[in-house]
Amino acid sequence: MTCELVFVGTELLLGDILNTNAQYLSKRLAALGVSVVHQSVVGDNPERLAETLQIALSRSDAVLTTGGLGPTKDDLTKEVCAAVFGLALEPDARSLARITAFFENKGIEMPPSNAKQAMLPRGAVIFDNNNGTAPGCAMEKDGKHILILPGPPREMQAMFEESAVPYLKPFTSGVILSKEIRTFGIGESAMAQRVDDLLSLENPTVAPYAKSGEALLRVTAKAETAAEANALLAPVIGEIHSRLGDVIYGVDVPSMEAATVALFKEKGLTMATAESCTAGLVTKRITDIPGASEVLRCGFVTYAADTKEALLGVKHETIKAQTVVSEAVAAEMAIGAWKRSGASVAAAITGLAGPGPDETGRSAGLAYIASTDGKTVWTKAVQTGHAGGKGCRDYNRTVFATHVLNELRLFALFAPETRPGGQPIDYDVKDMTA
């Protein structure tokens, strides 16, 4: 089965709302073996929506819409879809009773306009909404299907799983399974070059992507069963691992922070952070992961020079001689965080997020990162290549934070003699101010 997605709402066209429904539905439909061949966003305009639906139905087996099911006059998705199929709307007593009960349970009188939501296409399969007032539905004509879902993601996702999936399953065959290989420390073009011959495979397919300092490979297989699809994926993923090695930080992991927290849990380690230019972003990303309290001891945000001295024991003479953006200051920050936190490993960063250069003329995008376990200190200089312009500061802080997370990951993953990236430096941890 081929499917098109049509997202309805002027707010989507204006950029007021991020369309997370597109990603969710594309992934879930692929898992069902439904090929999503086109996506469209249409404002709350009945003529343009009708035109979009007619084009979609001319080239796809099914169209799935989200949005436009509210009680106001501009919510016309259901009406337009029914008209395209030549179906009349009629009141559905069960849906009206559910909508009425929704308001009664909240102790609120139902506005008369909400009765509009219980008007549904004649003969449609009705999808109950257990998280809101707008029911969805599915209708069929001449072998073509339109499925209508609400726009709010919480309502849409529940209705899709509870009602749309059972409706679609009889029309699907096989599965489409994807695995996402996440890398860090290699550019998209360099990554693609190492796997160039694999990019021409037909099943599985291999496709490269870039994302805020990271590079990804998506490997996708189509087969009759999930087991068969996994059997197709496994040797290709194994080959990619052999070519890319340590720059791969996970397969089907949501983020660097998720991979790092999971590794620290597995190893029974704890961590601490000391941040200057990222101002808590590293710690924030760590604590975004459920269960981070098992591994994170604390995070220091020492933005000013004197707080680096007071809270972390960074030496005044080091700052004076090297400036705050230096390998030496990063190392002393990491050692101070390790000593004060009692963590297994501490990592620190100091740098220039931008948008402009510092007082010495050094460009934005430069940072120094250090990590230590109290025995060795590793440092790394980072240059993002984003020295100015719109978005420079946000980009640099994001990439800097990912570098810190990766340094923690590498510290946990490798013994000092086998660890890739960065360099150990000669720092006597015991001589640092306690």
Foldseek 3Di string as FASTA:
>chain_A
DEEEEEEEAVCVVVVVDDQPVVVVVCVVCQQLQYHYDYYYYYYLDLVVLLVVVVVRQVPGQEYEYEALLALDPSSCPQVSVLVSQPFFWDADVVLQVVLCVVQVVVVHHDDPSLSVLRTHTPPWAWQDFPPHNHIWTWDDDPSHIYTYFYHDVVRRVVSCVPPVSVVCNVVHFWHKDKKKWKFADDDQVRLCVLVVVQCPDDAFHWDWDDDLRIIMIMTMGTDRDPVVSVVSVVVVVVVSCVRPPPRTQDMPDPALLRSLLVLCVVLVFAEEEEEALLQCPLVVSNVVDPPSVSHYQYYHYDHDPVCLCVQQVQDPVCCVVANCAHQSSQQSNQLSRCVVRVGQKYKYKDAALDQAADPVRHFHQWMKMWMDRLPWIWIAITGPVNRHDPPSNVSSSVNVSSVRSVVSSQVSPDDPVPGDDTDTDDDNSVPGDD
